[in-house]
C-alpha atoms as a PDB file:
ATOM      1  CA  GLN A   1     188.761  78.720 235.378  1.00  0.00           C
ATOM      2  CA  VAL A   2     186.231  79.364 238.069  1.00  0.00           C
ATOM      3  CA  GLN A   3     187.331  81.255 241.137  1.00  0.00           C
ATOM      4  CA  LEU A   4     185.097  80.611 244.393  1.00  0.00           C
ATOM      5  CA  VAL A   5     184.622  82.428 247.533  1.00  0.00           C
ATOM      6  CA  GLU A   6     182.612  80.755 250.396  1.00  0.00           C
ATOM      7  CA  SER A   7     180.763  82.748 253.082  1.00  0.00           C
ATOM      8  CA  GLY A   8     178.129  82.367 255.737  1.00  0.00           C
ATOM      9  CA  GLY A   9     179.717  80.111 258.326  1.00  0.00           C
ATOM     10  CA  GLY A  10     179.678  80.651 261.957  1.00  0.00           C
ATOM     11  CA  LEU A  11     178.853  79.183 265.347  1.00  0.00           C
ATOM     12  CA  VAL A  12     175.229  77.848 265.871  1.00  0.00           C
ATOM     13  CA  GLN A  13     173.449  75.956 268.493  1.00  0.00           C
ATOM     14  CA  PRO A  14     172.421  72.324 267.873  1.00  0.00           C
ATOM     15  CA  GLY A  15     169.074  72.613 265.925  1.00  0.00           C
ATOM     16  CA  GLY A  16     169.755  75.838 264.507  1.00  0.00           C
ATOM     17  CA  SER A  17     170.129  76.912 260.663  1.00  0.00           C
ATOM     18  CA  LEU A  18     172.767  78.562 258.817  1.00  0.00           C
ATOM     19  CA  LYS A  19     173.069  79.471 255.046  1.00  0.00           C
ATOM     20  CA  LEU A  20     176.006  79.383 253.109  1.00  0.00           C
ATOM     21  CA  SER A  21     176.807  81.428 249.915  1.00  0.00           C
ATOM     22  CA  CYS A  22     179.414  80.763 247.338  1.00  0.00           C
ATOM     23  CA  THR A  23     180.147  83.270 244.574  1.00  0.00           C
ATOM     24  CA  ALA A  24     181.869  82.293 241.425  1.00  0.00           C
ATOM     25  CA  SER A  25     183.981  84.486 239.132  1.00  0.00           C
ATOM     26  CA  GLY A  26     186.173  83.928 236.069  1.00  0.00           C
ATOM     27  CA  SER A  27     184.245  81.663 233.894  1.00  0.00           C
ATOM     28  CA  ILE A  28     180.534  80.731 232.694  1.00  0.00           C
ATOM     29  CA  PHE A  29     179.201  79.589 235.886  1.00  0.00           C
ATOM     30  CA  SER A  30     176.046  78.259 234.619  1.00  0.00           C
ATOM     31  CA  ILE A  31     177.720  75.546 232.709  1.00  0.00           C
ATOM     32  CA  TYR A  32     179.069  73.684 235.793  1.00  0.00           C
ATOM     33  CA  GLY A  33     177.718  71.246 238.202  1.00  0.00           C
ATOM     34  CA  MET A  34     178.238  72.664 241.649  1.00  0.00           C
ATOM     35  CA  GLY A  35     178.649  71.017 244.899  1.00  0.00           C
ATOM     36  CA  TRP A  36     179.195  71.737 248.635  1.00  0.00           C
ATOM     37  CA  TYR A  37     182.068  69.749 250.262  1.00  0.00           C
ATOM     38  CA  ARG A  38     183.005  69.561 254.032  1.00  0.00           C
ATOM     39  CA  GLN A  39     186.061  68.541 255.915  1.00  0.00           C
ATOM     40  CA  ALA A  40     185.699  67.634 259.687  1.00  0.00           C
ATOM     41  CA  PRO A  41     188.689  67.426 261.882  1.00  0.00           C
ATOM     42  CA  GLY A  42     190.592  64.331 261.249  1.00  0.00           C
ATOM     43  CA  LYS A  43     188.232  63.265 258.368  1.00  0.00           C
ATOM     44  CA  GLN A  44     188.581  63.326 254.661  1.00  0.00           C
ATOM     45  CA  ARG A  45     186.719  65.815 252.659  1.00  0.00           C
ATOM     46  CA  GLU A  46     183.302  64.628 251.335  1.00  0.00           C
ATOM     47  CA  LEU A  47     180.624  65.805 248.999  1.00  0.00           C
ATOM     48  CA  VAL A  48     177.529  66.873 250.936  1.00  0.00           C
ATOM     49  CA  ALA A  49     175.192  68.251 248.257  1.00  0.00           C
ATOM     50  CA  ALA A  50     175.242  68.693 244.324  1.00  0.00           C
ATOM     51  CA  ILE A  51     173.133  70.634 241.808  1.00  0.00           C
ATOM     52  CA  ILE A  52     173.566  69.648 238.163  1.00  0.00           C
ATOM     53  CA  TYR A  53     171.354  71.701 236.131  1.00  0.00           C
ATOM     54  CA  ASP A  54     168.087  71.413 238.021  1.00  0.00           C
ATOM     55  CA  SER A  55     168.868  67.899 239.724  1.00  0.00           C
ATOM     56  CA  THR A  56     170.019  67.876 243.381  1.00  0.00           C
ATOM     57  CA  ASN A  57     171.633  65.051 245.356  1.00  0.00           C
ATOM     58  CA  TYR A  58     172.704  64.668 249.006  1.00  0.00           C
ATOM     59  CA  ALA A  59     174.614  62.688 251.188  1.00  0.00           C
ATOM     60  CA  ASP A  60     172.633  60.450 253.515  1.00  0.00           C
ATOM     61  CA  SER A  61     173.931  62.155 256.504  1.00  0.00           C
ATOM     62  CA  VAL A  62     172.297  65.642 255.379  1.00  0.00           C
ATOM     63  CA  LYS A  63     169.341  64.388 253.332  1.00  0.00           C
ATOM     64  CA  GLY A  64     166.226  66.350 254.652  1.00  0.00           C
ATOM     65  CA  ARG A  65     168.187  68.690 256.428  1.00  0.00           C
ATOM     66  CA  PHE A  66     170.271  70.726 253.707  1.00  0.00           C
ATOM     67  CA  THR A  67     169.132  72.298 250.632  1.00  0.00           C
ATOM     68  CA  ILE A  68     171.285  73.296 247.912  1.00  0.00           C
ATOM     69  CA  SER A  69     170.182  75.847 245.135  1.00  0.00           C
ATOM     70  CA  ARG A  70     171.736  78.350 242.661  1.00  0.00           C
ATOM     71  CA  ASP A  71     171.232  81.851 241.103  1.00  0.00           C
ATOM     72  CA  ASN A  72     173.092  81.705 237.780  1.00  0.00           C
ATOM     73  CA  ALA A  73     172.166  85.208 237.217  1.00  0.00           C
ATOM     74  CA  LYS A  74     174.378  86.179 240.495  1.00  0.00           C
ATOM     75  CA  ASN A  75     176.748  83.380 239.907  1.00  0.00           C
ATOM     76  CA  THR A  76     176.002  82.079 243.232  1.00  0.00           C
ATOM     77  CA  VAL A  77     175.324  78.567 244.864  1.00  0.00           C
ATOM     78  CA  TYR A  78     173.838  78.362 248.607  1.00  0.00           C
ATOM     79  CA  LEU A  79     173.519  75.564 251.203  1.00  0.00           C
ATOM     80  CA  GLN A  80     170.484  76.181 253.408  1.00  0.00           C
ATOM     81  CA  MET A  81     171.338  74.143 256.728  1.00  0.00           C
ATOM     82  CA  ASN A  82     168.734  73.276 259.107  1.00  0.00           C
ATOM     83  CA  SER A  83     168.526  71.099 262.198  1.00  0.00           C
ATOM     84  CA  LEU A  84     172.114  71.190 262.434  1.00  0.00           C
ATOM     85  CA  LYS A  85     174.002  68.618 264.475  1.00  0.00           C
ATOM     86  CA  PRO A  86     177.256  68.764 266.379  1.00  0.00           C
ATOM     87  CA  GLU A  87     178.725  66.253 263.630  1.00  0.00           C
ATOM     88  CA  ASP A  88     177.917  68.847 260.974  1.00  0.00           C
ATOM     89  CA  THR A  89     180.884  70.829 262.532  1.00  0.00           C
ATOM     90  CA  ALA A  90     183.451  71.175 259.649  1.00  0.00           C
ATOM     91  CA  VAL A  91     185.096  73.528 257.105  1.00  0.00           C
ATOM     92  CA  TYR A  92     182.413  73.872 254.226  1.00  0.00           C
ATOM     93  CA  TYR A  93     183.829  74.476 250.564  1.00  0.00           C
ATOM     94  CA  CYS A  94     182.031  74.748 247.180  1.00  0.00           C
ATOM     95  CA  ASN A  95     183.602  73.553 244.090  1.00  0.00           C
ATOM     96  CA  ILE A  96     182.592  72.488 240.769  1.00  0.00           C
ATOM     97  CA  VAL A  97     181.730  68.721 240.229  1.00  0.00           C
ATOM     98  CA  PRO A  98     184.179  67.118 240.090  1.00  0.00           C
ATOM     99  CA  PRO A  99     186.285  69.366 241.940  1.00  0.00           C
ATOM    100  CA  GLY A 100     188.874  71.665 240.765  1.00  0.00           C
ATOM    101  CA  SER A 101     191.265  74.055 242.906  1.00  0.00           C
ATOM    102  CA  TRP A 102     189.875  74.652 246.439  1.00  0.00           C
ATOM    103  CA  GLY A 103     188.889  77.948 247.862  1.00  0.00           C
ATOM    104  CA  LYS A 104     189.452  78.763 251.692  1.00  0.00           C
ATOM    105  CA  GLY A 105     186.179  77.454 252.707  1.00  0.00           C
ATOM    106  CA  THR A 106     183.882  78.599 255.717  1.00  0.00           C
ATOM    107  CA  LEU A 107     183.942  77.282 259.226  1.00  0.00           C
ATOM    108  CA  VAL A 108     180.773  76.032 260.637  1.00  0.00           C
ATOM    109  CA  THR A 109     180.676  75.021 264.298  1.00  0.00           C
ATOM    110  CA  VAL A 110     177.673  73.469 265.963  1.00  0.00           C
ATOM    111  CA  SER A 111     177.998  73.516 269.568  1.00  0.00           C
ATOM    112  CA  SER A 112     175.859  74.714 272.646  1.00  0.00           C
END
């Protein structure tokens, strides 16, 4: 079973950037497809970016602004977020695809 710890969230102004990291432990990280999910207040959790082997996919709402990547040697998956908008405000989680148990997530707040 994979254990996941997210980090890198914070408060950023609209138009700014953040890079989230997720470190995995407890299993063979490289065999899993990985994704970044988010849950905004009052909304359902959604998958915003996924990486399966070398293939990436993005939700339409973040396409062209977010980039998912992974470093299998470090058991880490990243989410580079650029041109952030207030509607990107959410708790961001990483997980395997399809998702297993959830970690605590990291809060991203986009506000002036």
